[in-house]
Amino acid sequence: MGNVNEELELAVERATQNILDSYRLGRSIDRIAEAEEPNRDVIVRLIHELFRILYPGYYRDPDSSYRVYRTDTCIRPMIEDVCINLTEQITLALRYSDTIGSREEAESQAQRVAAAFLDAIPRVREYLETDLQAIFDGDPAAYSKSEVILCYPGFYAITVYRLAHELYRLQVPMIPRIMTEHAHSKTGVDIHPGATIGKYFMIDHATGIVIGETTIIGEHVKVYQGVTIGALSTRGGQKLQGRKRHPTIEDNVTIYSGASILGGETVIGHDVVVGGNCFITSSIAPNTRVNVRSQELTLNTAGGKE
């Protein structure tokens, strides 16, 4: 056993030296200075705090000592904490901006952005109230709005998207994407923070939904599981950055499970119903129902084909 331990010790020593040597190659993955990058764990904690601000009666601090919740005394410390931590993270993220020079300039800009973000929270809550109503009205399995807020992964994903979108609009690098990818990992819903989504947005069952960066979605739109609203092709890579690559979905559209709608020039007109598993790469006129032609179902039994 002593020989085994000695061999393992040598292996650990060798691996340590080899890995440290690999850090000195100057690649993107070799950066070590943690203080220069936004902290993903801090941003995830900020999401939790923002949920407590957005939904004060539903999300509480489990470690808090207070027994009676008073909004007027509890909300200010939470907002201050969000403001301080968000400003710090935005300062770090702004190093990726071509327009920011010094650390002082980044801090000053971060303070302005954090203040503008906090000012936007009442508007975010206004939109979320309509999303909550749309999900509750559209799902007979929802027995209360409280159930939607506390249980529905689609509503969680929409909430995080609404917050991240405000930071995206304020031209904050990286942080909005960290937020929506956190929601993606929890819910299976991948909404890019750059997408533009109107009021009364309903996601049902959540899992497997993809909504691309330049997507525009109107009001009263319902999206079911497994739907992709994406780019027709990404072969152009970085050259496509900034172009409209994803579809426009007008008001009162329903998109059923498994459908794929692709392309920046694709417009789904108002009051369209897209059936399950449809593959669409061109525009659809308003008031149209789109369905895949019925496929033949073949059953093989012990006695032969039916």
C-alpha atoms as a PDB file:
ATOM      1  CA  MET A   1       0.000   0.000   0.000  1.00  0.00           C
ATOM      2  CA  GLY A   2       2.956   2.307   0.683  1.00  0.00           C
ATOM      3  CA  ASN A   3       4.143   1.917  -2.907  1.00  0.00           C
ATOM      4  CA  VAL A   4       0.694   2.793  -4.217  1.00  0.00           C
ATOM      5  CA  ASN A   5       0.610   5.951  -2.097  1.00  0.00           C
ATOM      6  CA  GLU A   6       4.080   6.917  -3.273  1.00  0.00           C
ATOM      7  CA  GLU A   7       3.089   6.401  -6.908  1.00  0.00           C
ATOM      8  CA  LEU A   8      -0.033   8.480  -6.434  1.00  0.00           C
ATOM      9  CA  GLU A   9       1.993  11.219  -4.770  1.00  0.00           C
ATOM     10  CA  LEU A  10       4.333  11.332  -7.754  1.00  0.00           C
ATOM     11  CA  ALA A  11       1.351  11.375 -10.125  1.00  0.00           C
ATOM     12  CA  VAL A  12      -0.206  14.293  -8.272  1.00  0.00           C
ATOM     13  CA  GLU A  13       3.086  16.190  -8.294  1.00  0.00           C
ATOM     14  CA  ARG A  14       3.570  15.549 -12.015  1.00  0.00           C
ATOM     15  CA  ALA A  15      -0.018  16.519 -12.879  1.00  0.00           C
ATOM     16  CA  THR A  16       0.241  19.700 -10.808  1.00  0.00           C
ATOM     17  CA  GLN A  17       3.387  20.804 -12.620  1.00  0.00           C
ATOM     18  CA  ASN A  18       1.999  19.923 -16.057  1.00  0.00           C
ATOM     19  CA  ILE A  19      -1.250  21.824 -15.417  1.00  0.00           C
ATOM     20  CA  LEU A  20       0.597  24.866 -14.058  1.00  0.00           C
ATOM     21  CA  ASP A  21       2.797  24.812 -17.170  1.00  0.00           C
ATOM     22  CA  SER A  22      -0.333  24.742 -19.339  1.00  0.00           C
ATOM     23  CA  TYR A  23      -1.587  27.915 -17.615  1.00  0.00           C
ATOM     24  CA  ARG A  24       1.425  29.796 -19.005  1.00  0.00           C
ATOM     25  CA  LEU A  25       0.528  29.286 -22.673  1.00  0.00           C
ATOM     26  CA  GLY A  26      -1.406  32.567 -22.898  1.00  0.00           C
ATOM     27  CA  ARG A  27      -4.646  31.103 -24.241  1.00  0.00           C
ATOM     28  CA  SER A  28      -8.150  32.372 -23.449  1.00  0.00           C
ATOM     29  CA  ILE A  29      -8.718  29.457 -21.075  1.00  0.00           C
ATOM     30  CA  ASP A  30      -5.507  30.228 -19.155  1.00  0.00           C
ATOM     31  CA  ARG A  31      -6.657  33.445 -17.445  1.00  0.00           C
ATOM     32  CA  ILE A  32      -6.268  33.082 -13.674  1.00  0.00           C
ATOM     33  CA  ALA A  33      -7.115  36.522 -12.236  1.00  0.00           C
ATOM     34  CA  GLU A  34     -10.631  35.889 -10.869  1.00  0.00           C
ATOM     35  CA  ALA A  35     -11.128  39.521  -9.861  1.00  0.00           C
ATOM     36  CA  GLU A  36     -11.087  40.565 -13.529  1.00  0.00           C
ATOM     37  CA  GLU A  37     -14.146  38.513 -14.521  1.00  0.00           C
ATOM     38  CA  PRO A  38     -17.814  38.671 -13.479  1.00  0.00           C
ATOM     39  CA  ASN A  39     -18.539  36.105 -10.785  1.00  0.00           C
ATOM     40  CA  ARG A  40     -21.220  33.668 -11.904  1.00  0.00           C
ATOM     41  CA  ASP A  41     -22.064  32.632  -8.337  1.00  0.00           C
ATOM     42  CA  VAL A  42     -22.640  36.255  -7.317  1.00  0.00           C
ATOM     43  CA  ILE A  43     -24.890  36.809 -10.344  1.00  0.00           C
ATOM     44  CA  VAL A  44     -26.959  33.728  -9.497  1.00  0.00           C
ATOM     45  CA  ARG A  45     -27.367  35.057  -5.936  1.00  0.00           C
ATOM     46  CA  LEU A  46     -28.482  38.378  -7.429  1.00  0.00           C
ATOM     47  CA  ILE A  47     -31.188  36.521  -9.363  1.00  0.00           C
ATOM     48  CA  HIS A  48     -32.457  35.021  -6.098  1.00  0.00           C
ATOM     49  CA  GLU A  49     -32.497  38.454  -4.442  1.00  0.00           C
ATOM     50  CA  LEU A  50     -34.282  39.989  -7.412  1.00  0.00           C
ATOM     51  CA  PHE A  51     -36.967  37.286  -7.165  1.00  0.00           C
ATOM     52  CA  ARG A  52     -37.524  38.354  -3.547  1.00  0.00           C
ATOM     53  CA  ILE A  53     -37.978  41.938  -4.770  1.00  0.00           C
ATOM     54  CA  LEU A  54     -40.238  40.981  -7.684  1.00  0.00           C
ATOM     55  CA  TYR A  55     -42.401  38.565  -5.684  1.00  0.00           C
ATOM     56  CA  PRO A  56     -42.172  39.708  -2.034  1.00  0.00           C
ATOM     57  CA  GLY A  57     -44.884  37.381  -0.750  1.00  0.00           C
ATOM     58  CA  TYR A  58     -43.462  34.276  -2.425  1.00  0.00           C
ATOM     59  CA  TYR A  59     -39.679  34.354  -2.072  1.00  0.00           C
ATOM     60  CA  ARG A  60     -38.165  34.936   1.362  1.00  0.00           C
ATOM     61  CA  ASP A  61     -34.688  34.625   2.843  1.00  0.00           C
ATOM     62  CA  PRO A  62     -34.710  31.230   4.625  1.00  0.00           C
ATOM     63  CA  ASP A  63     -31.949  32.399   6.981  1.00  0.00           C
ATOM     64  CA  SER A  64     -33.745  35.549   8.016  1.00  0.00           C
ATOM     65  CA  SER A  65     -34.598  35.959  11.700  1.00  0.00           C
ATOM     66  CA  TYR A  66     -37.728  38.057  11.244  1.00  0.00           C
ATOM     67  CA  ARG A  67     -41.076  36.439  11.915  1.00  0.00           C
ATOM     68  CA  VAL A  68     -43.304  39.197  10.548  1.00  0.00           C
ATOM     69  CA  TYR A  69     -42.509  40.343   7.028  1.00  0.00           C
ATOM     70  CA  ARG A  70     -42.710  44.124   6.614  1.00  0.00           C
ATOM     71  CA  THR A  71     -42.153  45.253   3.055  1.00  0.00           C
ATOM     72  CA  ASP A  72     -41.182  48.804   3.956  1.00  0.00           C
ATOM     73  CA  THR A  73     -38.381  47.705   6.295  1.00  0.00           C
ATOM     74  CA  CYS A  74     -37.150  44.669   4.339  1.00  0.00           C
ATOM     75  CA  ILE A  75     -37.151  45.924   0.756  1.00  0.00           C
ATOM     76  CA  ARG A  76     -34.574  48.714   1.104  1.00  0.00           C
ATOM     77  CA  PRO A  77     -31.715  46.493   2.395  1.00  0.00           C
ATOM     78  CA  MET A  78     -32.399  44.030  -0.427  1.00  0.00           C
ATOM     79  CA  ILE A  79     -32.326  46.797  -3.048  1.00  0.00           C
ATOM     80  CA  GLU A  80     -29.127  48.232  -1.573  1.00  0.00           C
ATOM     81  CA  ASP A  81     -27.491  44.805  -1.651  1.00  0.00           C
ATOM     82  CA  VAL A  82     -28.554  44.254  -5.281  1.00  0.00           C
ATOM     83  CA  CYS A  83     -27.332  47.721  -6.227  1.00  0.00           C
ATOM     84  CA  ILE A  84     -23.878  47.274  -4.654  1.00  0.00           C
ATOM     85  CA  ASN A  85     -23.246  43.767  -5.988  1.00  0.00           C
ATOM     86  CA  LEU A  86     -24.707  44.472  -9.412  1.00  0.00           C
ATOM     87  CA  THR A  87     -22.573  47.609  -9.772  1.00  0.00           C
ATOM     88  CA  GLU A  88     -19.471  45.602  -8.927  1.00  0.00           C
ATOM     89  CA  GLN A  89     -20.302  42.883 -11.446  1.00  0.00           C
ATOM     90  CA  ILE A  90     -21.190  45.381 -14.186  1.00  0.00           C
ATOM     91  CA  THR A  91     -17.861  47.149 -13.580  1.00  0.00           C
ATOM     92  CA  LEU A  92     -16.067  43.863 -14.236  1.00  0.00           C
ATOM     93  CA  ALA A  93     -18.207  43.093 -17.285  1.00  0.00           C
ATOM     94  CA  LEU A  94     -17.616  46.502 -18.862  1.00  0.00           C
ATOM     95  CA  ARG A  95     -13.982  45.586 -19.503  1.00  0.00           C
ATOM     96  CA  TYR A  96     -15.416  43.776 -22.551  1.00  0.00           C
ATOM     97  CA  SER A  97     -16.828  47.039 -23.904  1.00  0.00           C
ATOM     98  CA  ASP A  98     -14.830  48.864 -26.578  1.00  0.00           C
ATOM     99  CA  THR A  99     -16.115  52.228 -25.359  1.00  0.00           C
ATOM    100  CA  ILE A 100     -14.885  51.995 -21.758  1.00  0.00           C
ATOM    101  CA  GLY A 101     -11.320  52.951 -20.932  1.00  0.00           C
ATOM    102  CA  SER A 102     -10.247  53.225 -17.295  1.00  0.00           C
ATOM    103  CA  ARG A 103     -11.502  51.368 -14.220  1.00  0.00           C
ATOM    104  CA  GLU A 104     -12.901  54.682 -12.905  1.00  0.00           C
ATOM    105  CA  GLU A 105     -14.889  55.162 -16.105  1.00  0.00           C
ATOM    106  CA  ALA A 106     -16.218  51.615 -15.830  1.00  0.00           C
ATOM    107  CA  GLU A 107     -17.304  52.164 -12.215  1.00  0.00           C
ATOM    108  CA  SER A 108     -19.070  55.404 -13.084  1.00  0.00           C
ATOM    109  CA  GLN A 109     -20.891  53.778 -16.004  1.00  0.00           C
ATOM    110  CA  ALA A 110     -21.765  50.735 -13.880  1.00  0.00           C
ATOM    111  CA  GLN A 111     -23.408  52.968 -11.260  1.00  0.00           C
ATOM    112  CA  ARG A 112     -25.533  54.659 -13.917  1.00  0.00           C
ATOM    113  CA  VAL A 113     -26.543  51.317 -15.420  1.00  0.00           C
ATOM    114  CA  ALA A 114     -27.421  49.795 -12.029  1.00  0.00           C
ATOM    115  CA  ALA A 115     -29.599  52.809 -11.209  1.00  0.00           C
ATOM    116  CA  ALA A 116     -31.373  52.578 -14.579  1.00  0.00           C
ATOM    117  CA  PHE A 117     -31.930  48.849 -14.051  1.00  0.00           C
ATOM    118  CA  LEU A 118     -33.504  49.413 -10.630  1.00  0.00           C
ATOM    119  CA  ASP A 119     -35.734  52.109 -12.135  1.00  0.00           C
ATOM    120  CA  ALA A 120     -36.966  49.537 -14.673  1.00  0.00           C
ATOM    121  CA  ILE A 121     -38.135  46.988 -12.086  1.00  0.00           C
ATOM    122  CA  PRO A 122     -41.717  48.355 -11.802  1.00  0.00           C
ATOM    123  CA  ARG A 123     -42.045  48.030 -15.602  1.00  0.00           C
ATOM    124  CA  VAL A 124     -40.650  44.492 -15.473  1.00  0.00           C
ATOM    125  CA  ARG A 125     -43.231  43.612 -12.812  1.00  0.00           C
ATOM    126  CA  GLU A 126     -45.969  45.071 -15.011  1.00  0.00           C
ATOM    127  CA  TYR A 127     -44.955  42.748 -17.864  1.00  0.00           C
ATOM    128  CA  LEU A 128     -44.638  39.757 -15.527  1.00  0.00           C
ATOM    129  CA  GLU A 129     -48.170  40.279 -14.236  1.00  0.00           C
ATOM    130  CA  THR A 130     -49.432  39.907 -17.815  1.00  0.00           C
ATOM    131  CA  ASP A 131     -47.290  36.793 -18.364  1.00  0.00           C
ATOM    132  CA  LEU A 132     -48.668  35.302 -15.154  1.00  0.00           C
ATOM    133  CA  GLN A 133     -52.216  36.012 -16.308  1.00  0.00           C
ATOM    134  CA  ALA A 134     -51.573  34.468 -19.731  1.00  0.00           C
ATOM    135  CA  ILE A 135     -50.183  31.249 -18.232  1.00  0.00           C
ATOM    136  CA  PHE A 136     -52.976  30.966 -15.685  1.00  0.00           C
ATOM    137  CA  ASP A 137     -55.708  31.625 -18.275  1.00  0.00           C
ATOM    138  CA  GLY A 138     -54.149  29.256 -20.796  1.00  0.00           C
ATOM    139  CA  ASP A 139     -53.483  26.237 -18.577  1.00  0.00           C
ATOM    140  CA  PRO A 140     -56.438  24.390 -17.035  1.00  0.00           C
ATOM    141  CA  ALA A 141     -53.932  22.465 -14.881  1.00  0.00           C
ATOM    142  CA  ALA A 142     -53.048  25.690 -13.025  1.00  0.00           C
ATOM    143  CA  TYR A 143     -55.237  25.952  -9.931  1.00  0.00           C
ATOM    144  CA  SER A 144     -53.896  29.308  -8.754  1.00  0.00           C
ATOM    145  CA  LYS A 145     -51.518  32.058  -9.771  1.00  0.00           C
ATOM    146  CA  SER A 146     -49.449  31.234  -6.710  1.00  0.00           C
ATOM    147  CA  GLU A 147     -48.930  27.777  -8.174  1.00  0.00           C
ATOM    148  CA  VAL A 148     -47.638  29.319 -11.406  1.00  0.00           C
ATOM    149  CA  ILE A 149     -45.215  31.623  -9.579  1.00  0.00           C
ATOM    150  CA  LEU A 150     -43.812  28.917  -7.310  1.00  0.00           C
ATOM    151  CA  CYS A 151     -43.951  25.837  -9.543  1.00  0.00           C
ATOM    152  CA  TYR A 152     -43.848  26.636 -13.261  1.00  0.00           C
ATOM    153  CA  PRO A 153     -40.388  26.478 -14.883  1.00  0.00           C
ATOM    154  CA  GLY A 154     -41.679  28.446 -17.869  1.00  0.00           C
ATOM    155  CA  PHE A 155     -42.622  31.367 -15.648  1.00  0.00           C
ATOM    156  CA  TYR A 156     -39.240  31.182 -13.912  1.00  0.00           C
ATOM    157  CA  ALA A 157     -37.493  31.356 -17.285  1.00  0.00           C
ATOM    158  CA  ILE A 158     -39.643  34.285 -18.420  1.00  0.00           C
ATOM    159  CA  THR A 159     -38.883  36.162 -15.189  1.00  0.00           C
ATOM    160  CA  VAL A 160     -35.133  35.757 -15.560  1.00  0.00           C
ATOM    161  CA  TYR A 161     -35.369  36.721 -19.233  1.00  0.00           C
ATOM    162  CA  ARG A 162     -37.301  39.921 -18.407  1.00  0.00           C
ATOM    163  CA  LEU A 163     -34.600  40.952 -15.928  1.00  0.00           C
ATOM    164  CA  ALA A 164     -31.722  40.013 -18.230  1.00  0.00           C
ATOM    165  CA  HIS A 165     -33.327  41.823 -21.164  1.00  0.00           C
ATOM    166  CA  GLU A 166     -33.240  45.096 -19.257  1.00  0.00           C
ATOM    167  CA  LEU A 167     -29.492  44.719 -18.714  1.00  0.00           C
ATOM    168  CA  TYR A 168     -29.072  43.744 -22.370  1.00  0.00           C
ATOM    169  CA  ARG A 169     -30.906  46.912 -23.414  1.00  0.00           C
ATOM    170  CA  LEU A 170     -28.505  48.862 -21.197  1.00  0.00           C
ATOM    171  CA  GLN A 171     -25.629  47.296 -23.172  1.00  0.00           C
ATOM    172  CA  VAL A 172     -24.168  45.320 -20.272  1.00  0.00           C
ATOM    173  CA  PRO A 173     -21.832  42.613 -21.611  1.00  0.00           C
ATOM    174  CA  MET A 174     -21.946  38.980 -20.468  1.00  0.00           C
ATOM    175  CA  ILE A 175     -24.113  39.306 -17.319  1.00  0.00           C
ATOM    176  CA  PRO A 176     -27.484  39.037 -19.139  1.00  0.00           C
ATOM    177  CA  ARG A 177     -26.282  35.849 -20.820  1.00  0.00           C
ATOM    178  CA  ILE A 178     -25.069  34.374 -17.520  1.00  0.00           C
ATOM    179  CA  MET A 179     -28.555  35.025 -16.138  1.00  0.00           C
ATOM    180  CA  THR A 180     -30.498  33.411 -18.976  1.00  0.00           C
ATOM    181  CA  GLU A 181     -28.109  30.451 -19.180  1.00  0.00           C
ATOM    182  CA  HIS A 182     -28.677  29.882 -15.463  1.00  0.00           C
ATOM    183  CA  ALA A 183     -32.425  29.773 -16.181  1.00  0.00           C
ATOM    184  CA  HIS A 184     -31.701  27.510 -19.152  1.00  0.00           C
ATOM    185  CA  SER A 185     -29.863  25.039 -16.911  1.00  0.00           C
ATOM    186  CA  LYS A 186     -32.745  25.023 -14.387  1.00  0.00           C
ATOM    187  CA  THR A 187     -35.696  24.906 -16.771  1.00  0.00           C
ATOM    188  CA  GLY A 188     -34.597  23.711 -20.201  1.00  0.00           C
ATOM    189  CA  VAL A 189     -35.772  27.034 -21.675  1.00  0.00           C
ATOM    190  CA  ASP A 190     -33.119  28.907 -23.664  1.00  0.00           C
ATOM    191  CA  ILE A 191     -34.218  32.528 -24.234  1.00  0.00           C
ATOM    192  CA  HIS A 192     -31.473  34.846 -25.408  1.00  0.00           C
ATOM    193  CA  PRO A 193     -31.633  38.118 -23.435  1.00  0.00           C
ATOM    194  CA  GLY A 194     -31.573  40.069 -26.695  1.00  0.00           C
ATOM    195  CA  ALA A 195     -34.928  38.688 -27.864  1.00  0.00           C
ATOM    196  CA  THR A 196     -37.819  41.173 -27.800  1.00  0.00           C
ATOM    197  CA  ILE A 197     -40.987  39.689 -26.260  1.00  0.00           C
ATOM    198  CA  GLY A 198     -44.270  41.499 -25.726  1.00  0.00           C
ATOM    199  CA  LYS A 199     -46.794  41.201 -22.912  1.00  0.00           C
ATOM    200  CA  TYR A 200     -48.944  38.153 -22.110  1.00  0.00           C
ATOM    201  CA  PHE A 201     -46.244  35.649 -23.095  1.00  0.00           C
ATOM    202  CA  MET A 202     -47.085  32.054 -22.247  1.00  0.00           C
ATOM    203  CA  ILE A 203     -44.677  29.110 -22.102  1.00  0.00           C
ATOM    204  CA  ASP A 204     -46.281  25.743 -21.396  1.00  0.00           C
ATOM    205  CA  HIS A 205     -44.298  22.725 -20.133  1.00  0.00           C
ATOM    206  CA  ALA A 206     -41.084  24.641 -20.822  1.00  0.00           C
ATOM    207  CA  THR A 207     -38.511  21.984 -21.694  1.00  0.00           C
ATOM    208  CA  GLY A 208     -36.554  22.278 -24.930  1.00  0.00           C
ATOM    209  CA  ILE A 209     -37.645  25.775 -26.009  1.00  0.00           C
ATOM    210  CA  VAL A 210     -35.069  27.897 -27.867  1.00  0.00           C
ATOM    211  CA  ILE A 211     -35.609  31.589 -28.693  1.00  0.00           C
ATOM    212  CA  GLY A 212     -32.758  33.332 -30.516  1.00  0.00           C
ATOM    213  CA  GLU A 213     -31.197  36.733 -29.961  1.00  0.00           C
ATOM    214  CA  THR A 214     -32.881  38.738 -32.738  1.00  0.00           C
ATOM    215  CA  THR A 215     -36.324  37.161 -32.331  1.00  0.00           C
ATOM    216  CA  ILE A 216     -39.247  39.586 -32.092  1.00  0.00           C
ATOM    217  CA  ILE A 217     -42.401  38.251 -30.427  1.00  0.00           C
ATOM    218  CA  GLY A 218     -45.626  40.228 -30.126  1.00  0.00           C
ATOM    219  CA  GLU A 219     -48.315  40.055 -27.463  1.00  0.00           C
ATOM    220  CA  HIS A 220     -50.526  37.124 -26.452  1.00  0.00           C
ATOM    221  CA  VAL A 221     -48.165  34.502 -27.897  1.00  0.00           C
ATOM    222  CA  LYS A 222     -48.215  30.899 -26.650  1.00  0.00           C
ATOM    223  CA  VAL A 223     -45.211  28.592 -27.046  1.00  0.00           C
ATOM    224  CA  TYR A 224     -45.215  24.912 -26.118  1.00  0.00           C
ATOM    225  CA  GLN A 225     -42.378  22.524 -25.284  1.00  0.00           C
ATOM    226  CA  GLY A 226     -39.708  21.685 -27.833  1.00  0.00           C
ATOM    227  CA  VAL A 227     -40.224  24.797 -29.982  1.00  0.00           C
ATOM    228  CA  THR A 228     -37.261  26.408 -31.736  1.00  0.00           C
ATOM    229  CA  ILE A 229     -37.417  30.009 -32.939  1.00  0.00           C
ATOM    230  CA  GLY A 230     -33.968  30.152 -34.414  1.00  0.00           C
ATOM    231  CA  ALA A 231     -31.558  31.064 -37.187  1.00  0.00           C
ATOM    232  CA  LEU A 232     -31.819  29.419 -40.586  1.00  0.00           C
ATOM    233  CA  SER A 233     -28.040  29.060 -40.807  1.00  0.00           C
ATOM    234  CA  THR A 234     -25.077  30.112 -38.685  1.00  0.00           C
ATOM    235  CA  ARG A 235     -22.356  29.115 -41.171  1.00  0.00           C
ATOM    236  CA  GLY A 236     -21.336  32.780 -41.434  1.00  0.00           C
ATOM    237  CA  GLY A 237     -20.274  32.719 -37.772  1.00  0.00           C
ATOM    238  CA  GLN A 238     -19.180  36.065 -36.318  1.00  0.00           C
ATOM    239  CA  LYS A 239     -19.855  37.816 -39.647  1.00  0.00           C
ATOM    240  CA  LEU A 240     -23.586  37.442 -38.896  1.00  0.00           C
ATOM    241  CA  GLN A 241     -23.341  39.333 -35.603  1.00  0.00           C
ATOM    242  CA  GLY A 242     -25.763  42.255 -35.464  1.00  0.00           C
ATOM    243  CA  ARG A 243     -27.955  40.990 -38.311  1.00  0.00           C
ATOM    244  CA  LYS A 244     -31.583  39.895 -37.941  1.00  0.00           C
ATOM    245  CA  ARG A 245     -31.161  36.115 -37.931  1.00  0.00           C
ATOM    246  CA  HIS A 246     -34.322  34.995 -36.136  1.00  0.00           C
ATOM    247  CA  PRO A 247     -38.044  35.175 -36.957  1.00  0.00           C
ATOM    248  CA  THR A 248     -40.703  37.731 -36.098  1.00  0.00           C
ATOM    249  CA  ILE A 249     -43.818  36.349 -34.413  1.00  0.00           C
ATOM    250  CA  GLU A 250     -46.795  38.707 -34.473  1.00  0.00           C
ATOM    251  CA  ASP A 251     -49.651  38.966 -31.943  1.00  0.00           C
ATOM    252  CA  ASN A 252     -51.981  36.130 -30.922  1.00  0.00           C
ATOM    253  CA  VAL A 253     -49.845  33.311 -32.339  1.00  0.00           C
ATOM    254  CA  THR A 254     -49.821  29.785 -30.914  1.00  0.00           C
ATOM    255  CA  ILE A 255     -46.861  27.486 -31.621  1.00  0.00           C
ATOM    256  CA  TYR A 256     -47.358  23.863 -30.628  1.00  0.00           C
ATOM    257  CA  SER A 257     -44.734  21.377 -29.473  1.00  0.00           C
ATOM    258  CA  GLY A 258     -41.799  20.416 -31.627  1.00  0.00           C
ATOM    259  CA  ALA A 259     -42.255  23.168 -34.198  1.00  0.00           C
ATOM    260  CA  SER A 260     -39.198  24.899 -35.690  1.00  0.00           C
ATOM    261  CA  ILE A 261     -39.471  28.412 -37.127  1.00  0.00           C
ATOM    262  CA  LEU A 262     -36.234  29.651 -38.658  1.00  0.00           C
ATOM    263  CA  GLY A 263     -34.762  32.657 -40.427  1.00  0.00           C
ATOM    264  CA  GLY A 264     -34.506  36.400 -39.979  1.00  0.00           C
ATOM    265  CA  GLU A 265     -36.860  37.142 -42.863  1.00  0.00           C
ATOM    266  CA  THR A 266     -39.533  34.740 -41.612  1.00  0.00           C
ATOM    267  CA  VAL A 267     -42.633  36.512 -40.297  1.00  0.00           C
ATOM    268  CA  ILE A 268     -45.463  34.570 -38.655  1.00  0.00           C
ATOM    269  CA  GLY A 269     -48.535  36.760 -39.079  1.00  0.00           C
ATOM    270  CA  HIS A 270     -51.014  37.554 -36.342  1.00  0.00           C
ATOM    271  CA  ASP A 271     -53.520  34.910 -35.239  1.00  0.00           C
ATOM    272  CA  VAL A 272     -51.564  32.053 -36.821  1.00  0.00           C
ATOM    273  CA  VAL A 273     -51.642  28.572 -35.275  1.00  0.00           C
ATOM    274  CA  VAL A 274     -48.530  26.490 -35.945  1.00  0.00           C
ATOM    275  CA  GLY A 275     -49.136  22.787 -35.396  1.00  0.00           C
ATOM    276  CA  GLY A 276     -46.781  20.356 -33.728  1.00  0.00           C
ATOM    277  CA  ASN A 277     -43.557  19.344 -35.510  1.00  0.00           C
ATOM    278  CA  CYS A 278     -43.932  21.895 -38.314  1.00  0.00           C
ATOM    279  CA  PHE A 279     -40.694  23.059 -39.946  1.00  0.00           C
ATOM    280  CA  ILE A 280     -41.079  26.615 -41.241  1.00  0.00           C
ATOM    281  CA  THR A 281     -38.477  28.691 -43.083  1.00  0.00           C
ATOM    282  CA  SER A 282     -40.722  31.204 -44.883  1.00  0.00           C
ATOM    283  CA  SER A 283     -43.369  33.702 -43.826  1.00  0.00           C
ATOM    284  CA  ILE A 284     -46.934  32.686 -42.962  1.00  0.00           C
ATOM    285  CA  ALA A 285     -49.874  34.978 -43.686  1.00  0.00           C
ATOM    286  CA  PRO A 286     -52.108  36.109 -40.806  1.00  0.00           C
ATOM    287  CA  ASN A 287     -55.077  33.957 -39.706  1.00  0.00           C
ATOM    288  CA  THR A 288     -53.516  30.746 -41.061  1.00  0.00           C
ATOM    289  CA  ARG A 289     -53.418  27.263 -39.532  1.00  0.00           C
ATOM    290  CA  VAL A 290     -50.234  25.358 -40.348  1.00  0.00           C
ATOM    291  CA  ASN A 291     -50.123  21.592 -39.845  1.00  0.00           C
ATOM    292  CA  VAL A 292     -48.000  18.638 -40.860  1.00  0.00           C
ATOM    293  CA  ARG A 293     -49.980  16.258 -43.062  1.00  0.00           C
ATOM    294  CA  SER A 294     -51.109  13.206 -41.083  1.00  0.00           C
ATOM    295  CA  GLN A 295     -48.539  10.440 -41.130  1.00  0.00           C
ATOM    296  CA  GLU A 296     -49.452   6.800 -41.495  1.00  0.00           C
ATOM    297  CA  LEU A 297     -49.346   4.846 -38.244  1.00  0.00           C
ATOM    298  CA  THR A 298     -48.199   1.222 -38.603  1.00  0.00           C
ATOM    299  CA  LEU A 299     -48.689  -1.305 -35.785  1.00  0.00           C
ATOM    300  CA  ASN A 300     -46.813  -4.624 -35.670  1.00  0.00           C
ATOM    301  CA  THR A 301     -48.430  -7.259 -33.471  1.00  0.00           C
ATOM    302  CA  ALA A 302     -47.591 -10.883 -32.737  1.00  0.00           C
ATOM    303  CA  GLY A 303     -50.119 -11.950 -35.368  1.00  0.00           C
ATOM    304  CA  GLY A 304     -48.637  -9.766 -38.096  1.00  0.00           C
ATOM    305  CA  LYS A 305     -48.974  -6.225 -39.375  1.00  0.00           C
ATOM    306  CA  GLU A 306     -52.238  -4.344 -38.810  1.00  0.00           C
END
